[in-house]
Amino acid sequence: MSRYRLLAIAVLWLGVAAAFWYVLQGRQQPLQRTRLLLGTVVEITVYDQRPQRFAPAVEAAFNEMARLEALTSFYRRGSDAARLSASQADLTVAPETLEILTQGLEVGKASGGAFDMTLGRLKVLWGFGSAHPRLPAPSEIEAALAASGADVLAVEDGRVVKRTNAWIDLGGIAKGYIIDRAVAVLKRAGVTCAAVNAGGDLRLIGQRSAPWRIGIRHPRKVDVLLATLVLKEPLAVVTSGDYEQFFEQSGVRYHHLFDPATGMPARRCQSVTVVSGQAALADALATAVFVLGPEKGLALLERYPRTWGMIVAADGTTVVSPGLRERVAWP
């Protein structure tokens, strides 16, 4: 299924309920703009009595997202991620990249290495994101993992210390961080109620009289919602699933969320949705929990305040953090 249809499902109730509520209140329709960024459709929606006055702020938020994408992209020559991959020396990077690395290293440590930003060689080897992903030989996987690991990267005195020739991939956290930065731009401009949605990963601004309703897609049923999150407070919602990038061979599904310990796709979950105050944290935790599985994953989420998860395990059963259960509406 295309990411465009997935996006429509993920925000179905968010857009419809918000527009209907504004009509009832006699207010203008929300200001809604989209742009292709981060490999998906990014949508920014501003709710206000006079939403058009924030059109320049929305444009500035998109521009900030594009700037940070160029800075952190694994594939762009000259980006900080590319420079880090090409060098084994200590490097000075942009403050934003340093912040992403610092947050990612913290989640990596807390998760026992389940979140790992040093798997760039493995990503290229499997070919996800290209037209021809493939199943590598065990010897190829072993070679790709040789330079990766929890001790490869460090941030010391404002510089990045890199101890091997590992290729650095910030994709597991950069999108969330970029969403957070777009939110910061909007807030500085005076926006008090909005949603920034990047392909179903989103962060909310402000509170409304009607709750935010966020649809979570079923990982195995096309165009079907698993559940709807009903949120009264502004939070970030990020989902990682084995249906996003995958291929099947001999009846086995191979996807892009790797277990750093084996170099193979993680097998303990079908999808993980994390709700937290910051999209960057939710982004990294969604990947880590997917690798860890339901039991260890929920234990990891409990270490963070106002952070919860909805996990669809490998066998299709759904587990929800205690703090999120009252915020879930089931079909």
Protein backbone atom coordinates (compact mmCIF):
# COMPACT_ATOMS: atom_id res chain seq x y z
CA MET A 1 0.00 0.00 0.00
CA SER A 2 1.30 3.48 -0.82
CA ARG A 3 2.41 5.86 1.91
CA TYR A 4 -0.21 8.32 0.65
CA ARG A 5 -3.07 5.94 1.50
CA LEU A 6 -1.39 5.10 4.80
CA LEU A 7 -1.23 8.80 5.64
CA ALA A 8 -4.94 9.18 4.87
CA ILE A 9 -5.78 6.35 7.25
CA ALA A 10 -3.49 7.55 10.03
CA VAL A 11 -5.06 11.00 10.24
CA LEU A 12 -8.63 10.20 9.21
CA TRP A 13 -10.29 11.10 12.49
CA LEU A 14 -7.89 13.94 13.22
CA GLY A 15 -8.85 15.91 10.10
CA VAL A 16 -12.56 15.03 9.89
CA ALA A 17 -13.33 15.62 13.57
CA ALA A 18 -11.37 18.87 13.66
CA ALA A 19 -13.05 20.32 10.57
CA PHE A 20 -16.53 19.34 11.81
CA TRP A 21 -15.86 20.91 15.21
CA TYR A 22 -14.75 24.16 13.62
CA VAL A 23 -17.89 24.32 11.50
CA LEU A 24 -20.00 23.88 14.62
CA GLN A 25 -18.10 26.68 16.32
CA GLY A 26 -18.66 29.00 13.37
CA ARG A 27 -14.92 29.37 12.82
CA GLN A 28 -12.84 29.34 9.68
CA GLN A 29 -11.62 26.06 8.29
CA PRO A 30 -8.12 25.16 9.48
CA LEU A 31 -5.13 26.24 7.45
CA GLN A 32 -3.71 23.06 5.89
CA ARG A 33 -0.58 22.79 3.77
CA THR A 34 1.39 19.77 2.48
CA ARG A 35 4.87 19.24 1.11
CA LEU A 36 6.95 16.24 0.05
CA LEU A 37 9.73 15.93 2.63
CA LEU A 38 11.48 13.18 4.59
CA GLY A 39 10.50 10.63 1.95
CA THR A 40 6.77 11.14 2.59
CA VAL A 41 3.94 13.66 2.60
CA VAL A 42 4.28 16.19 5.42
CA GLU A 43 1.10 17.96 6.42
CA ILE A 44 0.85 20.97 8.73
CA THR A 45 -2.61 21.99 9.97
CA VAL A 46 -3.22 25.14 12.02
CA TYR A 47 -6.46 25.68 13.95
CA ASP A 48 -7.33 29.27 14.81
CA GLN A 49 -10.08 31.86 14.49
CA ARG A 50 -7.90 33.50 11.81
CA PRO A 51 -5.65 30.64 10.63
CA GLN A 52 -4.48 32.31 7.39
CA ARG A 53 -2.37 34.76 9.37
CA PHE A 54 -0.03 31.85 10.15
CA ALA A 55 0.65 30.94 6.51
CA PRO A 56 4.18 32.46 6.69
CA ALA A 57 4.89 30.45 9.87
CA VAL A 58 3.83 27.23 8.15
CA GLU A 59 6.13 28.01 5.23
CA ALA A 60 8.98 28.70 7.68
CA ALA A 61 8.32 25.38 9.42
CA PHE A 62 8.52 23.52 6.09
CA ASN A 63 11.75 25.34 5.24
CA GLU A 64 13.25 24.35 8.59
CA MET A 65 12.30 20.73 7.97
CA ALA A 66 13.93 20.80 4.53
CA ARG A 67 17.10 22.33 5.98
CA LEU A 68 17.37 19.67 8.65
CA GLU A 69 16.62 16.87 6.20
CA ALA A 70 19.56 18.02 4.07
CA LEU A 71 21.72 18.11 7.19
CA THR A 72 20.87 14.63 8.48
CA SER A 73 20.04 12.56 5.39
CA PHE A 74 21.94 9.31 5.02
CA TYR A 75 21.91 9.65 1.23
CA ARG A 76 22.87 13.31 0.69
CA ARG A 77 26.49 14.06 -0.11
CA GLY A 78 27.88 16.64 2.28
CA SER A 79 25.31 16.02 5.01
CA ASP A 80 26.54 15.52 8.55
CA ALA A 81 25.44 11.88 8.36
CA ALA A 82 27.50 11.37 5.19
CA ARG A 83 30.52 13.14 6.70
CA LEU A 84 30.30 10.99 9.82
CA SER A 85 30.10 7.84 7.73
CA ALA A 86 33.13 8.81 5.63
CA SER A 87 35.41 9.67 8.55
CA GLN A 88 36.94 7.80 11.45
CA ALA A 89 38.31 10.95 13.07
CA ASP A 90 36.63 13.14 15.67
CA LEU A 91 34.31 15.56 13.91
CA THR A 92 32.55 18.84 14.56
CA VAL A 93 28.96 18.74 13.33
CA ALA A 94 26.01 21.13 13.40
CA PRO A 95 24.41 21.70 16.82
CA GLU A 96 21.22 20.03 15.62
CA THR A 97 23.11 16.88 14.56
CA LEU A 98 24.90 16.85 17.89
CA GLU A 99 21.55 17.03 19.68
CA ILE A 100 20.15 14.17 17.61
CA LEU A 101 23.20 12.04 18.33
CA THR A 102 23.05 12.80 22.05
CA GLN A 103 19.39 11.81 22.26
CA GLY A 104 19.95 8.71 20.14
CA LEU A 105 22.89 7.56 22.23
CA GLU A 106 20.81 7.93 25.38
CA VAL A 107 18.03 5.73 23.99
CA GLY A 108 20.64 3.29 22.70
CA LYS A 109 22.11 2.96 26.18
CA ALA A 110 18.73 2.71 27.90
CA SER A 111 17.60 0.00 25.45
CA GLY A 112 20.74 -2.09 25.78
CA GLY A 113 21.71 -1.38 22.19
CA ALA A 114 18.32 -2.11 20.61
CA PHE A 115 18.43 1.39 19.12
CA ASP A 116 21.61 1.72 17.08
CA MET A 117 22.64 4.55 14.74
CA THR A 118 25.68 2.67 13.36
CA LEU A 119 23.83 0.27 11.04
CA GLY A 120 24.27 2.22 7.81
CA ARG A 121 26.26 -0.53 6.10
CA LEU A 122 23.55 -3.02 6.97
CA LYS A 123 20.88 -0.70 5.55
CA VAL A 124 22.71 -0.43 2.23
CA LEU A 125 23.40 -4.18 2.16
CA TRP A 126 19.70 -5.08 2.44
CA GLY A 127 18.74 -2.40 -0.08
CA PHE A 128 15.66 -1.07 1.69
CA GLY A 129 14.78 2.30 0.23
CA SER A 130 16.04 1.16 -3.19
CA ALA A 131 14.16 -0.49 -6.04
CA HIS A 132 15.74 -3.89 -5.38
CA PRO A 133 15.95 -4.97 -1.71
CA ARG A 134 17.43 -8.42 -1.21
CA LEU A 135 18.27 -11.10 1.33
CA PRO A 136 22.05 -10.96 1.94
CA ALA A 137 24.24 -13.94 2.67
CA PRO A 138 25.16 -14.54 6.36
CA SER A 139 28.79 -13.68 5.62
CA GLU A 140 27.71 -10.32 4.17
CA ILE A 141 25.65 -9.52 7.24
CA GLU A 142 28.52 -10.45 9.52
CA ALA A 143 30.86 -8.13 7.61
CA ALA A 144 28.34 -5.27 7.70
CA LEU A 145 27.98 -5.61 11.48
CA ALA A 146 31.71 -5.78 12.17
CA ALA A 147 32.18 -2.05 12.68
CA SER A 148 28.84 -1.30 14.37
CA GLY A 149 27.83 -1.35 18.01
CA ALA A 150 27.04 0.61 21.15
CA ASP A 151 30.62 1.73 21.76
CA VAL A 152 31.30 3.09 18.27
CA LEU A 153 29.90 6.59 18.79
CA ALA A 154 30.21 9.13 21.60
CA VAL A 155 29.70 12.86 22.08
CA GLU A 156 32.53 14.49 23.99
CA ASP A 157 33.19 18.21 24.48
CA GLY A 158 30.85 19.19 21.66
CA ARG A 159 32.45 16.84 19.12
CA VAL A 160 31.53 13.43 17.76
CA VAL A 161 33.94 10.63 18.57
CA LYS A 162 33.76 7.73 16.09
CA ARG A 163 35.91 4.70 16.81
CA THR A 164 35.36 2.58 13.67
CA ASN A 165 34.52 3.02 10.01
CA ALA A 166 30.81 2.39 10.65
CA TRP A 167 28.28 4.18 8.45
CA ILE A 168 25.98 6.39 10.48
CA ASP A 169 22.23 6.33 9.82
CA LEU A 170 20.12 8.85 11.76
CA GLY A 171 16.87 7.70 10.15
CA GLY A 172 15.52 6.13 13.33
CA ILE A 173 15.35 9.46 15.16
CA ALA A 174 15.90 12.33 12.72
CA LYS A 175 12.32 12.45 11.42
CA GLY A 176 10.97 12.85 14.95
CA TYR A 177 13.55 15.50 15.75
CA ILE A 178 12.67 17.41 12.57
CA ILE A 179 8.98 17.30 13.49
CA ASP A 180 9.88 18.75 16.90
CA ARG A 181 11.80 21.58 15.25
CA ALA A 182 8.87 22.39 12.98
CA VAL A 183 6.67 22.60 16.06
CA ALA A 184 9.16 24.99 17.67
CA VAL A 185 8.97 27.28 14.61
CA LEU A 186 5.19 27.35 14.77
CA LYS A 187 5.12 28.05 18.49
CA ARG A 188 7.56 30.95 18.17
CA ALA A 189 5.20 32.45 15.59
CA GLY A 190 2.32 32.33 18.07
CA VAL A 191 0.53 29.19 16.87
CA THR A 192 -1.41 27.73 19.79
CA CYS A 193 -3.22 24.80 18.16
CA ALA A 194 -1.82 22.71 15.30
CA ALA A 195 -0.68 19.30 14.08
CA VAL A 196 2.52 18.42 12.22
CA ASN A 197 2.19 15.07 10.47
CA ALA A 198 5.01 13.38 8.56
CA GLY A 199 3.64 10.22 6.97
CA GLY A 200 1.62 9.28 10.05
CA ASP A 201 4.26 10.30 12.61
CA LEU A 202 3.00 13.46 14.23
CA ARG A 203 3.12 15.96 17.02
CA LEU A 204 0.26 18.07 18.31
CA ILE A 205 0.26 21.64 19.59
CA GLY A 206 -2.24 22.93 22.15
CA GLN A 207 -5.53 21.70 23.48
CA ARG A 208 -9.03 21.81 22.05
CA SER A 209 -12.51 21.43 23.46
CA ALA A 210 -12.77 18.27 21.38
CA PRO A 211 -10.01 15.66 21.87
CA TRP A 212 -7.49 14.84 19.17
CA ARG A 213 -8.39 11.53 17.49
CA ILE A 214 -5.49 9.68 15.87
CA GLY A 215 -6.14 6.55 13.84
CA ILE A 216 -3.61 3.69 14.15
CA ARG A 217 -3.56 1.35 11.16
CA HIS A 218 -3.81 -2.41 11.47
CA PRO A 219 -0.42 -3.96 10.58
CA ARG A 220 -1.97 -6.86 8.64
CA LYS A 221 -5.27 -5.51 7.28
CA VAL A 222 -5.07 -2.97 4.47
CA ASP A 223 -7.12 0.20 5.00
CA VAL A 224 -8.29 -0.97 8.43
CA LEU A 225 -7.80 0.89 11.71
CA LEU A 226 -6.53 -1.13 14.65
CA ALA A 227 -7.59 1.52 17.14
CA THR A 228 -8.05 5.26 17.63
CA LEU A 229 -6.05 7.26 20.16
CA VAL A 230 -8.18 9.87 21.93
CA LEU A 231 -5.83 12.52 23.30
CA LYS A 232 -6.82 15.60 25.27
CA GLU A 233 -3.24 16.79 25.72
CA PRO A 234 -0.72 17.74 22.99
CA LEU A 235 1.60 14.78 22.48
CA ALA A 236 3.69 13.11 19.79
CA VAL A 237 2.59 9.83 18.19
CA VAL A 238 5.06 7.71 16.20
CA THR A 239 4.58 4.23 14.75
CA SER A 240 7.15 1.71 13.50
CA GLY A 241 5.87 -1.32 11.62
CA ASP A 242 7.11 -4.21 9.52
CA TYR A 243 4.64 -3.21 6.77
CA GLU A 244 6.39 0.09 5.93
CA GLN A 245 9.34 -1.25 3.90
CA PHE A 246 9.44 -4.98 3.24
CA PHE A 247 9.63 -7.77 0.71
CA GLU A 248 8.64 -11.41 0.91
CA GLN A 249 10.73 -14.38 -0.15
CA SER A 250 9.72 -18.03 0.24
CA GLY A 251 6.81 -16.95 2.41
CA VAL A 252 8.98 -14.96 4.83
CA ARG A 253 8.57 -11.21 5.35
CA TYR A 254 11.85 -9.27 5.48
CA HIS A 255 11.59 -5.65 6.63
CA HIS A 256 13.77 -2.63 7.42
CA LEU A 257 13.71 -2.69 11.24
CA PHE A 258 16.87 -4.60 12.11
CA ASP A 259 17.92 -6.33 15.29
CA PRO A 260 21.44 -4.94 15.87
CA ALA A 261 22.47 -8.22 17.52
CA THR A 262 21.82 -10.32 14.40
CA GLY A 263 21.63 -7.95 11.44
CA MET A 264 18.31 -9.58 10.52
CA PRO A 265 14.83 -8.02 10.67
CA ALA A 266 13.54 -7.99 14.25
CA ARG A 267 10.88 -10.64 14.77
CA ARG A 268 9.17 -9.84 18.08
CA CYS A 269 6.59 -7.29 16.82
CA GLN A 270 4.38 -6.37 13.88
CA SER A 271 4.02 -2.72 14.88
CA VAL A 272 4.79 -0.36 17.75
CA THR A 273 3.14 2.99 18.43
CA VAL A 274 4.75 5.26 21.00
CA VAL A 275 3.07 8.30 22.55
CA SER A 276 5.32 10.82 24.28
CA GLY A 277 5.93 14.53 24.73
CA GLN A 278 8.64 14.77 22.04
CA ALA A 279 8.57 13.22 18.58
CA ALA A 280 12.33 12.54 18.58
CA LEU A 281 12.06 10.44 21.73
CA ALA A 282 8.95 8.65 20.46
CA ASP A 283 10.70 7.95 17.14
CA ALA A 284 13.77 6.34 18.71
CA LEU A 285 11.74 4.44 21.30
CA ALA A 286 9.39 3.01 18.66
CA THR A 287 12.37 1.39 16.94
CA ALA A 288 13.91 0.18 20.20
CA VAL A 289 10.65 -1.33 21.44
CA PHE A 290 10.09 -3.05 18.09
CA VAL A 291 13.45 -4.79 18.50
CA LEU A 292 12.98 -5.62 22.19
CA GLY A 293 9.45 -6.99 21.97
CA PRO A 294 6.41 -6.42 24.22
CA GLU A 295 7.74 -7.33 27.66
CA LYS A 296 11.11 -5.59 27.56
CA GLY A 297 9.68 -2.83 25.37
CA LEU A 298 7.01 -1.82 27.86
CA ALA A 299 9.61 -1.89 30.62
CA LEU A 300 11.74 0.53 28.59
CA LEU A 301 8.82 2.91 28.06
CA GLU A 302 8.12 2.98 31.79
CA ARG A 303 11.50 4.66 32.31
CA TYR A 304 10.25 7.82 30.59
CA PRO A 305 7.59 10.17 32.00
CA ARG A 306 4.33 10.58 30.04
CA THR A 307 5.46 7.94 27.57
CA TRP A 308 3.31 4.97 26.58
CA GLY A 309 3.05 2.35 23.89
CA MET A 310 0.68 0.18 21.88
CA ILE A 311 2.47 -2.96 20.70
CA VAL A 312 1.21 -5.54 18.23
CA ALA A 313 3.32 -8.62 18.98
CA ALA A 314 4.55 -11.09 16.38
CA ASP A 315 1.57 -13.36 17.06
CA GLY A 316 -0.89 -10.51 16.47
CA THR A 317 -1.84 -9.89 20.10
CA THR A 318 -2.00 -6.24 21.19
CA VAL A 319 -0.44 -4.95 24.41
CA VAL A 320 -1.03 -1.42 25.69
CA SER A 321 0.80 0.53 28.40
CA PRO A 322 -1.40 1.05 31.49
CA GLY A 323 -1.23 4.84 31.07
CA LEU A 324 -2.51 4.63 27.49
CA ARG A 325 -5.43 2.25 27.95
CA GLU A 326 -7.93 4.94 28.89
CA ARG A 327 -6.88 6.90 25.80
CA VAL A 328 -7.65 4.11 23.30
CA ALA A 329 -10.95 3.62 21.46
CA TRP A 330 -11.34 0.21 19.84
CA PRO A 331 -13.41 -0.44 16.70
